[in-house]
Structures are given as structure tokens and as C-alpha cells.
Amino acid sequence: MIPKVSQTKWFFKVLHQWSKEELKAYDNVTIKEQDERGEREIVVQKALEKGEEKGREEMIIEMHKEGFSTRQIAKVSKKSEQEVTQIIDNHTNK
């Protein structure tokens, strides 16, 4: 395995030998890779948020089944009473 310092020196030596077209192509690939990483991070974040919301809705339904008031559920879930009522109604109508 080549030490990191040697890899960096080698890379810059090779980099200076590239034509403008090769440099541009390298930059475009690097930009594309970064964009793809960013897109993956967004997808993961949205999935986590969706999972958290689903878990919160399940908690609301279970609390409702246990007899907690809408007001209590709203306080614990950090949702408005209207949102809690809507979630309960949506679950009841399934």
C-alpha cells in the first residue's frame, strides 16, 4: 500500500500532465460523484423522517387505544390537537 503522502504527490504529478479536456472530464466526474452522494444523503434523511413520523403516528394510535385524551396525546407527541384527531380519524377509517 502506498502511503497517503506518496499518493498525493503522485496524483499531483499525474494531474499536471493531463490536458485541459482530461482535467475537465475529471472535474465533471468528481462533481457528479458529489451530486450523487448528496442525493443519497437526501433520500436517507427523508426515509428517516418518514420512519420517525410513522413511529409518532403509531404512538398516537396506541395512546388513543389506552384512553389518553387528545390533549394529552398532543402534548406528548408535540402535535396539535387537530393533527392528533386527524391521525386518529385516518386510522379509524382504514
PDB file of N, CA and C in Angstrom:
ATOM      1  N   MET A   1       0.845  -1.182   0.000  1.00  0.00           N
ATOM      2  CA  MET A   1       0.000   0.000   0.000  1.00  0.00           C
ATOM      3  C   MET A   1       0.889   1.244   0.000  1.00  0.00           C
ATOM      4  N   ILE A   2       0.521   2.197  -0.835  1.00  0.00           N
ATOM      5  CA  ILE A   2       1.303   3.425  -0.956  1.00  0.00           C
ATOM      6  C   ILE A   2       0.877   4.388   0.151  1.00  0.00           C
ATOM      7  N   PRO A   3       1.844   4.977   0.871  1.00  0.00           N
ATOM      8  CA  PRO A   3       1.484   5.948   1.913  1.00  0.00           C
ATOM      9  C   PRO A   3       0.704   7.103   1.331  1.00  0.00           C
ATOM     10  N   LYS A   4      -0.174   7.701   2.139  1.00  0.00           N
ATOM     11  CA  LYS A   4      -1.029   8.806   1.689  1.00  0.00           C
ATOM     12  C   LYS A   4      -0.225   9.945   1.077  1.00  0.00           C
ATOM     13  N   VAL A   5       0.878  10.323   1.696  1.00  0.00           N
ATOM     14  CA  VAL A   5       1.695  11.426   1.187  1.00  0.00           C
ATOM     15  C   VAL A   5       2.194  11.087  -0.207  1.00  0.00           C
ATOM     16  N   SER A   6       2.647   9.865  -0.398  1.00  0.00           N
ATOM     17  CA  SER A   6       3.128   9.447  -1.712  1.00  0.00           C
ATOM     18  C   SER A   6       2.008   9.441  -2.729  1.00  0.00           C
ATOM     19  N   GLN A   7       0.811   9.006  -2.311  1.00  0.00           N
ATOM     20  CA  GLN A   7      -0.338   9.007  -3.205  1.00  0.00           C
ATOM     21  C   GLN A   7      -0.659  10.433  -3.653  1.00  0.00           C
ATOM     22  N   THR A   8      -0.631  11.355  -2.740  1.00  0.00           N
ATOM     23  CA  THR A   8      -0.937  12.745  -3.058  1.00  0.00           C
ATOM     24  C   THR A   8       0.092  13.318  -4.017  1.00  0.00           C
ATOM     25  N   LYS A   9       1.373  13.085  -3.736  1.00  0.00           N
ATOM     26  CA  LYS A   9       2.429  13.571  -4.630  1.00  0.00           C
ATOM     27  C   LYS A   9       2.275  12.969  -6.017  1.00  0.00           C
ATOM     28  N   TRP A  10       2.012  11.678  -6.069  1.00  0.00           N
ATOM     29  CA  TRP A  10       1.828  11.007  -7.343  1.00  0.00           C
ATOM     30  C   TRP A  10       0.645  11.600  -8.089  1.00  0.00           C
ATOM     31  N   PHE A  11      -0.458  11.806  -7.392  1.00  0.00           N
ATOM     32  CA  PHE A  11      -1.663  12.347  -8.003  1.00  0.00           C
ATOM     33  C   PHE A  11      -1.393  13.714  -8.624  1.00  0.00           C
ATOM     34  N   PHE A  12      -0.739  14.603  -7.877  1.00  0.00           N
ATOM     35  CA  PHE A  12      -0.473  15.937  -8.417  1.00  0.00           C
ATOM     36  C   PHE A  12       0.524  15.899  -9.573  1.00  0.00           C
ATOM     37  N   LYS A  13       1.461  14.967  -9.519  1.00  0.00           N
ATOM     38  CA  LYS A  13       2.401  14.828 -10.635  1.00  0.00           C
ATOM     39  C   LYS A  13       1.649  14.413 -11.892  1.00  0.00           C
ATOM     40  N   VAL A  14       0.758  13.451 -11.752  1.00  0.00           N
ATOM     41  CA  VAL A  14      -0.035  12.985 -12.890  1.00  0.00           C
ATOM     42  C   VAL A  14      -1.003  14.073 -13.337  1.00  0.00           C
ATOM     43  N   LEU A  15      -1.591  14.755 -12.381  1.00  0.00           N
ATOM     44  CA  LEU A  15      -2.561  15.806 -12.668  1.00  0.00           C
ATOM     45  C   LEU A  15      -1.967  16.893 -13.557  1.00  0.00           C
ATOM     46  N   HIS A  16      -0.745  17.270 -13.317  1.00  0.00           N
ATOM     47  CA  HIS A  16      -0.094  18.311 -14.109  1.00  0.00           C
ATOM     48  C   HIS A  16       0.209  17.850 -15.529  1.00  0.00           C
ATOM     49  N   GLN A  17       0.167  16.551 -15.767  1.00  0.00           N
ATOM     50  CA  GLN A  17       0.426  16.029 -17.103  1.00  0.00           C
ATOM     51  C   GLN A  17      -0.858  15.908 -17.932  1.00  0.00           C
ATOM     52  N   TRP A  18      -2.011  16.138 -17.307  1.00  0.00           N
ATOM     53  CA  TRP A  18      -3.280  15.988 -18.013  1.00  0.00           C
ATOM     54  C   TRP A  18      -3.545  17.192 -18.913  1.00  0.00           C
ATOM     55  N   SER A  19      -4.264  16.915 -19.996  1.00  0.00           N
ATOM     56  CA  SER A  19      -4.690  18.001 -20.889  1.00  0.00           C
ATOM     57  C   SER A  19      -5.888  18.718 -20.254  1.00  0.00           C
ATOM     58  N   LYS A  20      -6.261  19.853 -20.821  1.00  0.00           N
ATOM     59  CA  LYS A  20      -7.421  20.588 -20.304  1.00  0.00           C
ATOM     60  C   LYS A  20      -8.684  19.745 -20.381  1.00  0.00           C
ATOM     61  N   GLU A  21      -8.826  18.978 -21.445  1.00  0.00           N
ATOM     62  CA  GLU A  21     -10.001  18.119 -21.607  1.00  0.00           C
ATOM     63  C   GLU A  21     -10.046  17.032 -20.525  1.00  0.00           C
ATOM     64  N   GLU A  22      -8.877  16.459 -20.252  1.00  0.00           N
ATOM     65  CA  GLU A  22      -8.814  15.428 -19.204  1.00  0.00           C
ATOM     66  C   GLU A  22      -9.132  16.021 -17.835  1.00  0.00           C
ATOM     67  N   LEU A  23      -8.629  17.206 -17.550  1.00  0.00           N
ATOM     68  CA  LEU A  23      -8.920  17.874 -16.281  1.00  0.00           C
ATOM     69  C   LEU A  23     -10.419  18.175 -16.150  1.00  0.00           C
ATOM     70  N   LYS A  24     -10.982  18.658 -17.264  1.00  0.00           N
ATOM     71  CA  LYS A  24     -12.414  18.969 -17.250  1.00  0.00           C
ATOM     72  C   LYS A  24     -13.231  17.698 -17.035  1.00  0.00           C
ATOM     73  N   ALA A  25     -12.860  16.615 -17.710  1.00  0.00           N
ATOM     74  CA  ALA A  25     -13.566  15.339 -17.546  1.00  0.00           C
ATOM     75  C   ALA A  25     -13.454  14.850 -16.098  1.00  0.00           C
ATOM     76  N   TYR A  26     -12.254  14.974 -15.516  1.00  0.00           N
ATOM     77  CA  TYR A  26     -12.048  14.579 -14.117  1.00  0.00           C
ATOM     78  C   TYR A  26     -12.934  15.415 -13.192  1.00  0.00           C
ATOM     79  N   ASP A  27     -12.955  16.717 -13.423  1.00  0.00           N
ATOM     80  CA  ASP A  27     -13.791  17.601 -12.605  1.00  0.00           C
ATOM     81  C   ASP A  27     -15.265  17.236 -12.736  1.00  0.00           C
ATOM     82  N   ASN A  28     -15.704  16.944 -13.953  1.00  0.00           N
ATOM     83  CA  ASN A  28     -17.109  16.589 -14.168  1.00  0.00           C
ATOM     84  C   ASN A  28     -17.480  15.304 -13.444  1.00  0.00           C
ATOM     85  N   VAL A  29     -16.585  14.323 -13.470  1.00  0.00           N
ATOM     86  CA  VAL A  29     -16.843  13.063 -12.760  1.00  0.00           C
ATOM     87  C   VAL A  29     -16.896  13.317 -11.253  1.00  0.00           C
ATOM     88  N   THR A  30     -15.965  14.125 -10.770  1.00  0.00           N
ATOM     89  CA  THR A  30     -15.928  14.443  -9.340  1.00  0.00           C
ATOM     90  C   THR A  30     -17.199  15.175  -8.914  1.00  0.00           C
ATOM     91  N   ILE A  31     -17.632  16.113  -9.725  1.00  0.00           N
ATOM     92  CA  ILE A  31     -18.860  16.858  -9.418  1.00  0.00           C
ATOM     93  C   ILE A  31     -20.058  15.900  -9.421  1.00  0.00           C
ATOM     94  N   LYS A  32     -20.123  15.026 -10.409  1.00  0.00           N
ATOM     95  CA  LYS A  32     -21.222  14.069 -10.499  1.00  0.00           C
ATOM     96  C   LYS A  32     -21.242  13.152  -9.276  1.00  0.00           C
ATOM     97  N   GLU A  33     -20.078  12.668  -8.877  1.00  0.00           N
ATOM     98  CA  GLU A  33     -19.999  11.806  -7.696  1.00  0.00           C
ATOM     99  C   GLU A  33     -20.492  12.535  -6.452  1.00  0.00           C
ATOM    100  N   GLN A  34     -20.121  13.801  -6.311  1.00  0.00           N
ATOM    101  CA  GLN A  34     -20.563  14.592  -5.164  1.00  0.00           C
ATOM    102  C   GLN A  34     -22.078  14.790  -5.208  1.00  0.00           C
ATOM    103  N   ASP A  35     -22.606  15.064  -6.389  1.00  0.00           N
ATOM    104  CA  ASP A  35     -24.059  15.220  -6.537  1.00  0.00           C
ATOM    105  C   ASP A  35     -24.784  13.942  -6.141  1.00  0.00           C
ATOM    106  N   GLU A  36     -24.253  12.801  -6.574  1.00  0.00           N
ATOM    107  CA  GLU A  36     -24.873  11.515  -6.239  1.00  0.00           C
ATOM    108  C   GLU A  36     -24.827  11.254  -4.736  1.00  0.00           C
ATOM    109  N   ARG A  37     -23.701  11.602  -4.095  1.00  0.00           N
ATOM    110  CA  ARG A  37     -23.618  11.448  -2.636  1.00  0.00           C
ATOM    111  C   ARG A  37     -24.656  12.329  -1.951  1.00  0.00           C
ATOM    112  N   GLY A  38     -24.803  13.560  -2.444  1.00  0.00           N
ATOM    113  CA  GLY A  38     -25.784  14.480  -1.881  1.00  0.00           C
ATOM    114  C   GLY A  38     -27.197  13.953  -2.047  1.00  0.00           C
ATOM    115  N   GLU A  39     -27.499  13.394  -3.217  1.00  0.00           N
ATOM    116  CA  GLU A  39     -28.828  12.830  -3.458  1.00  0.00           C
ATOM    117  C   GLU A  39     -29.096  11.652  -2.524  1.00  0.00           C
ATOM    118  N   ARG A  40     -28.094  10.793  -2.330  1.00  0.00           N
ATOM    119  CA  ARG A  40     -28.262   9.654  -1.416  1.00  0.00           C
ATOM    120  C   ARG A  40     -28.517  10.133   0.006  1.00  0.00           C
ATOM    121  N   GLU A  41     -27.796  11.163   0.417  1.00  0.00           N
ATOM    122  CA  GLU A  41     -27.987  11.703   1.763  1.00  0.00           C
ATOM    123  C   GLU A  41     -29.398  12.251   1.933  1.00  0.00           C
ATOM    124  N   ILE A  42     -29.921  12.905   0.902  1.00  0.00           N
ATOM    125  CA  ILE A  42     -31.280  13.436   0.962  1.00  0.00           C
ATOM    126  C   ILE A  42     -32.292  12.303   1.069  1.00  0.00           C
ATOM    127  N   VAL A  43     -32.103  11.241   0.287  1.00  0.00           N
ATOM    128  CA  VAL A  43     -33.015  10.096   0.328  1.00  0.00           C
ATOM    129  C   VAL A  43     -32.997   9.456   1.713  1.00  0.00           C
ATOM    130  N   VAL A  44     -31.813   9.280   2.264  1.00  0.00           N
ATOM    131  CA  VAL A  44     -31.696   8.691   3.604  1.00  0.00           C
ATOM    132  C   VAL A  44     -32.381   9.574   4.641  1.00  0.00           C
ATOM    133  N   GLN A  45     -32.162  10.874   4.567  1.00  0.00           N
ATOM    134  CA  GLN A  45     -32.778  11.803   5.521  1.00  0.00           C
ATOM    135  C   GLN A  45     -34.297  11.758   5.425  1.00  0.00           C
ATOM    136  N   LYS A  46     -34.825  11.740   4.203  1.00  0.00           N
ATOM    137  CA  LYS A  46     -36.279  11.678   4.020  1.00  0.00           C
ATOM    138  C   LYS A  46     -36.835  10.360   4.570  1.00  0.00           C
ATOM    139  N   ALA A  47     -36.112   9.272   4.346  1.00  0.00           N
ATOM    140  CA  ALA A  47     -36.558   7.973   4.860  1.00  0.00           C
ATOM    141  C   ALA A  47     -36.579   7.978   6.389  1.00  0.00           C
ATOM    142  N   LEU A  48     -35.554   8.561   6.995  1.00  0.00           N
ATOM    143  CA  LEU A  48     -35.523   8.652   8.456  1.00  0.00           C
ATOM    144  C   LEU A  48     -36.682   9.485   8.979  1.00  0.00           C
ATOM    145  N   GLU A  49     -36.939  10.607   8.330  1.00  0.00           N
ATOM    146  CA  GLU A  49     -38.043  11.465   8.746  1.00  0.00           C
ATOM    147  C   GLU A  49     -39.380  10.751   8.594  1.00  0.00           C
ATOM    148  N   LYS A  50     -39.534  10.018   7.490  1.00  0.00           N
ATOM    149  CA  LYS A  50     -40.767   9.270   7.264  1.00  0.00           C
ATOM    150  C   LYS A  50     -40.938   8.197   8.338  1.00  0.00           C
ATOM    151  N   GLY A  51     -39.852   7.521   8.674  1.00  0.00           N
ATOM    152  CA  GLY A  51     -39.904   6.499   9.726  1.00  0.00           C
ATOM    153  C   GLY A  51     -40.246   7.090  11.080  1.00  0.00           C
ATOM    154  N   GLU A  52     -39.670   8.261  11.368  1.00  0.00           N
ATOM    155  CA  GLU A  52     -39.973   8.918  12.642  1.00  0.00           C
ATOM    156  C   GLU A  52     -41.439   9.329  12.693  1.00  0.00           C
ATOM    157  N   GLU A  53     -41.953   9.844  11.584  1.00  0.00           N
ATOM    158  CA  GLU A  53     -43.359  10.264  11.532  1.00  0.00           C
ATOM    159  C   GLU A  53     -44.284   9.060  11.689  1.00  0.00           C
ATOM    160  N   LYS A  54     -43.956   7.956  11.029  1.00  0.00           N
ATOM    161  CA  LYS A  54     -44.769   6.745  11.148  1.00  0.00           C
ATOM    162  C   LYS A  54     -44.754   6.246  12.597  1.00  0.00           C
ATOM    163  N   GLY A  55     -43.601   6.281  13.229  1.00  0.00           N
ATOM    164  CA  GLY A  55     -43.498   5.872  14.624  1.00  0.00           C
ATOM    165  C   GLY A  55     -44.313   6.771  15.541  1.00  0.00           C
ATOM    166  N   ARG A  56     -44.288   8.061  15.255  1.00  0.00           N
ATOM    167  CA  ARG A  56     -45.068   9.016  16.046  1.00  0.00           C
ATOM    168  C   ARG A  56     -46.565   8.746  15.877  1.00  0.00           C
ATOM    169  N   GLU A  57     -46.990   8.446  14.642  1.00  0.00           N
ATOM    170  CA  GLU A  57     -48.397   8.144  14.389  1.00  0.00           C
ATOM    171  C   GLU A  57     -48.812   6.859  15.115  1.00  0.00           C
ATOM    172  N   GLU A  58     -47.951   5.859  15.104  1.00  0.00           N
ATOM    173  CA  GLU A  58     -48.251   4.615  15.816  1.00  0.00           C
ATOM    174  C   GLU A  58     -48.380   4.873  17.309  1.00  0.00           C
ATOM    175  N   MET A  59     -47.526   5.736  17.848  1.00  0.00           N
ATOM    176  CA  MET A  59     -47.602   6.084  19.263  1.00  0.00           C
ATOM    177  C   MET A  59     -48.941   6.765  19.561  1.00  0.00           C
ATOM    178  N   ILE A  60     -49.353   7.663  18.684  1.00  0.00           N
ATOM    179  CA  ILE A  60     -50.623   8.376  18.883  1.00  0.00           C
ATOM    180  C   ILE A  60     -51.787   7.390  18.906  1.00  0.00           C
ATOM    181  N   ILE A  61     -51.786   6.456  17.971  1.00  0.00           N
ATOM    182  CA  ILE A  61     -52.860   5.452  17.905  1.00  0.00           C
ATOM    183  C   ILE A  61     -52.876   4.605  19.178  1.00  0.00           C
ATOM    184  N   GLU A  62     -51.712   4.161  19.627  1.00  0.00           N
ATOM    185  CA  GLU A  62     -51.641   3.329  20.835  1.00  0.00           C
ATOM    186  C   GLU A  62     -52.090   4.111  22.071  1.00  0.00           C
ATOM    187  N   MET A  63     -51.682   5.367  22.155  1.00  0.00           N
ATOM    188  CA  MET A  63     -52.108   6.190  23.294  1.00  0.00           C
ATOM    189  C   MET A  63     -53.628   6.370  23.270  1.00  0.00           C
ATOM    190  N   HIS A  64     -54.181   6.553  22.089  1.00  0.00           N
ATOM    191  CA  HIS A  64     -55.639   6.689  21.951  1.00  0.00           C
ATOM    192  C   HIS A  64     -56.330   5.405  22.422  1.00  0.00           C
ATOM    193  N   LYS A  65     -55.788   4.255  22.007  1.00  0.00           N
ATOM    194  CA  LYS A  65     -56.359   2.958  22.420  1.00  0.00           C
ATOM    195  C   LYS A  65     -56.309   2.787  23.930  1.00  0.00           C
ATOM    196  N   GLU A  66     -55.273   3.360  24.570  1.00  0.00           N
ATOM    197  CA  GLU A  66     -55.112   3.247  26.021  1.00  0.00           C
ATOM    198  C   GLU A  66     -55.965   4.254  26.786  1.00  0.00           C
ATOM    199  N   GLY A  67     -56.678   5.108  26.059  1.00  0.00           N
ATOM    200  CA  GLY A  67     -57.602   6.023  26.703  1.00  0.00           C
ATOM    201  C   GLY A  67     -57.066   7.411  27.018  1.00  0.00           C
ATOM    202  N   PHE A  68     -55.892   7.757  26.511  1.00  0.00           N
ATOM    203  CA  PHE A  68     -55.363   9.101  26.730  1.00  0.00           C
ATOM    204  C   PHE A  68     -56.239  10.107  25.976  1.00  0.00           C
ATOM    205  N   SER A  69     -56.376  11.292  26.522  1.00  0.00           N
ATOM    206  CA  SER A  69     -57.147  12.335  25.856  1.00  0.00           C
ATOM    207  C   SER A  69     -56.355  12.900  24.686  1.00  0.00           C
ATOM    208  N   THR A  70     -57.082  13.526  23.767  1.00  0.00           N
ATOM    209  CA  THR A  70     -56.441  14.159  22.612  1.00  0.00           C
ATOM    210  C   THR A  70     -55.438  15.208  23.077  1.00  0.00           C
ATOM    211  N   ARG A  71     -55.795  15.914  24.101  1.00  0.00           N
ATOM    212  CA  ARG A  71     -54.910  16.961  24.641  1.00  0.00           C
ATOM    213  C   ARG A  71     -53.602  16.357  25.170  1.00  0.00           C
ATOM    214  N   GLN A  72     -53.710  15.242  25.920  1.00  0.00           N
ATOM    215  CA  GLN A  72     -52.520  14.569  26.450  1.00  0.00           C
ATOM    216  C   GLN A  72     -51.637  14.039  25.317  1.00  0.00           C
ATOM    217  N   ILE A  73     -52.287  13.443  24.333  1.00  0.00           N
ATOM    218  CA  ILE A  73     -51.543  12.883  23.206  1.00  0.00           C
ATOM    219  C   ILE A  73     -50.818  14.003  22.456  1.00  0.00           C
ATOM    220  N   ALA A  74     -51.501  15.120  22.257  1.00  0.00           N
ATOM    221  CA  ALA A  74     -50.900  16.248  21.548  1.00  0.00           C
ATOM    222  C   ALA A  74     -49.677  16.767  22.293  1.00  0.00           C
ATOM    223  N   LYS A  75     -49.787  16.840  23.596  1.00  0.00           N
ATOM    224  CA  LYS A  75     -48.667  17.340  24.402  1.00  0.00           C
ATOM    225  C   LYS A  75     -47.454  16.420  24.288  1.00  0.00           C
ATOM    226  N   VAL A  76     -47.691  15.122  24.398  1.00  0.00           N
ATOM    227  CA  VAL A  76     -46.591  14.158  24.357  1.00  0.00           C
ATOM    228  C   VAL A  76     -45.987  14.062  22.947  1.00  0.00           C
ATOM    229  N   SER A  77     -46.843  14.077  21.927  1.00  0.00           N
ATOM    230  CA  SER A  77     -46.369  13.892  20.546  1.00  0.00           C
ATOM    231  C   SER A  77     -45.873  15.183  19.900  1.00  0.00           C
ATOM    232  N   LYS A  78     -46.085  16.300  20.596  1.00  0.00           N
ATOM    233  CA  LYS A  78     -45.682  17.612  20.068  1.00  0.00           C
ATOM    234  C   LYS A  78     -46.395  17.920  18.751  1.00  0.00           C
ATOM    235  N   LYS A  79     -47.664  17.530  18.694  1.00  0.00           N
ATOM    236  CA  LYS A  79     -48.525  17.833  17.557  1.00  0.00           C
ATOM    237  C   LYS A  79     -49.724  18.609  18.093  1.00  0.00           C
ATOM    238  N   SER A  80     -50.416  19.281  17.191  1.00  0.00           N
ATOM    239  CA  SER A  80     -51.619  19.993  17.616  1.00  0.00           C
ATOM    240  C   SER A  80     -52.743  18.987  17.864  1.00  0.00           C
ATOM    241  N   GLU A  81     -53.737  19.405  18.632  1.00  0.00           N
ATOM    242  CA  GLU A  81     -54.874  18.522  18.888  1.00  0.00           C
ATOM    243  C   GLU A  81     -55.575  18.178  17.579  1.00  0.00           C
ATOM    244  N   GLN A  82     -55.621  19.132  16.663  1.00  0.00           N
ATOM    245  CA  GLN A  82     -56.242  18.899  15.363  1.00  0.00           C
ATOM    246  C   GLN A  82     -55.485  17.812  14.590  1.00  0.00           C
ATOM    247  N   GLU A  83     -54.146  17.863  14.605  1.00  0.00           N
ATOM    248  CA  GLU A  83     -53.343  16.847  13.916  1.00  0.00           C
ATOM    249  C   GLU A  83     -53.557  15.478  14.543  1.00  0.00           C
ATOM    250  N   VAL A  84     -53.632  15.439  15.865  1.00  0.00           N
ATOM    251  CA  VAL A  84     -53.852  14.171  16.570  1.00  0.00           C
ATOM    252  C   VAL A  84     -55.205  13.599  16.169  1.00  0.00           C
ATOM    253  N   THR A  85     -56.225  14.440  16.165  1.00  0.00           N
ATOM    254  CA  THR A  85     -57.567  13.995  15.796  1.00  0.00           C
ATOM    255  C   THR A  85     -57.580  13.471  14.368  1.00  0.00           C
ATOM    256  N   GLN A  86     -56.894  14.156  13.476  1.00  0.00           N
ATOM    257  CA  GLN A  86     -56.837  13.730  12.071  1.00  0.00           C
ATOM    258  C   GLN A  86     -56.159  12.365  11.947  1.00  0.00           C
ATOM    259  N   ILE A  87     -55.063  12.171  12.664  1.00  0.00           N
ATOM    260  CA  ILE A  87     -54.348  10.871  12.607  1.00  0.00           C
ATOM    261  C   ILE A  87     -55.246   9.757  13.130  1.00  0.00           C
ATOM    262  N   ILE A  88     -55.927  10.013  14.237  1.00  0.00           N
ATOM    263  CA  ILE A  88     -56.827   9.004  14.828  1.00  0.00           C
ATOM    264  C   ILE A  88     -57.958   8.702  13.849  1.00  0.00           C
ATOM    265  N   ASP A  89     -58.547   9.753  13.258  1.00  0.00           N
ATOM    266  CA  ASP A  89     -59.651   9.555  12.309  1.00  0.00           C
ATOM    267  C   ASP A  89     -59.186   8.772  11.083  1.00  0.00           C
ATOM    268  N   ASN A  90     -58.009   9.100  10.571  1.00  0.00           N
ATOM    269  CA  ASN A  90     -57.482   8.380   9.411  1.00  0.00           C
ATOM    270  C   ASN A  90     -57.270   6.898   9.729  1.00  0.00           C
ATOM    271  N   HIS A  91     -56.804   6.622  10.933  1.00  0.00           N
ATOM    272  CA  HIS A  91     -56.560   5.226  11.329  1.00  0.00           C
ATOM    273  C   HIS A  91     -57.883   4.492  11.533  1.00  0.00           C
ATOM    274  N   THR A  92     -58.853   5.158  12.111  1.00  0.00           N
ATOM    275  CA  THR A  92     -60.157   4.554  12.387  1.00  0.00           C
ATOM    276  C   THR A  92     -60.891   4.237  11.088  1.00  0.00           C
ATOM    277  N   ASN A  93     -60.710   5.086  10.071  1.00  0.00           N
ATOM    278  CA  ASN A  93     -61.424   4.919   8.800  1.00  0.00           C
ATOM    279  C   ASN A  93     -60.773   3.911   7.857  1.00  0.00           C
ATOM    280  N   LYS A  94     -59.655   3.317   8.243  1.00  0.00           N
ATOM    281  CA  LYS A  94     -58.974   2.338   7.381  1.00  0.00           C
ATOM    282  C   LYS A  94     -59.703   1.028   7.387  1.00  0.00           C
TER     283      LYS A  94
END
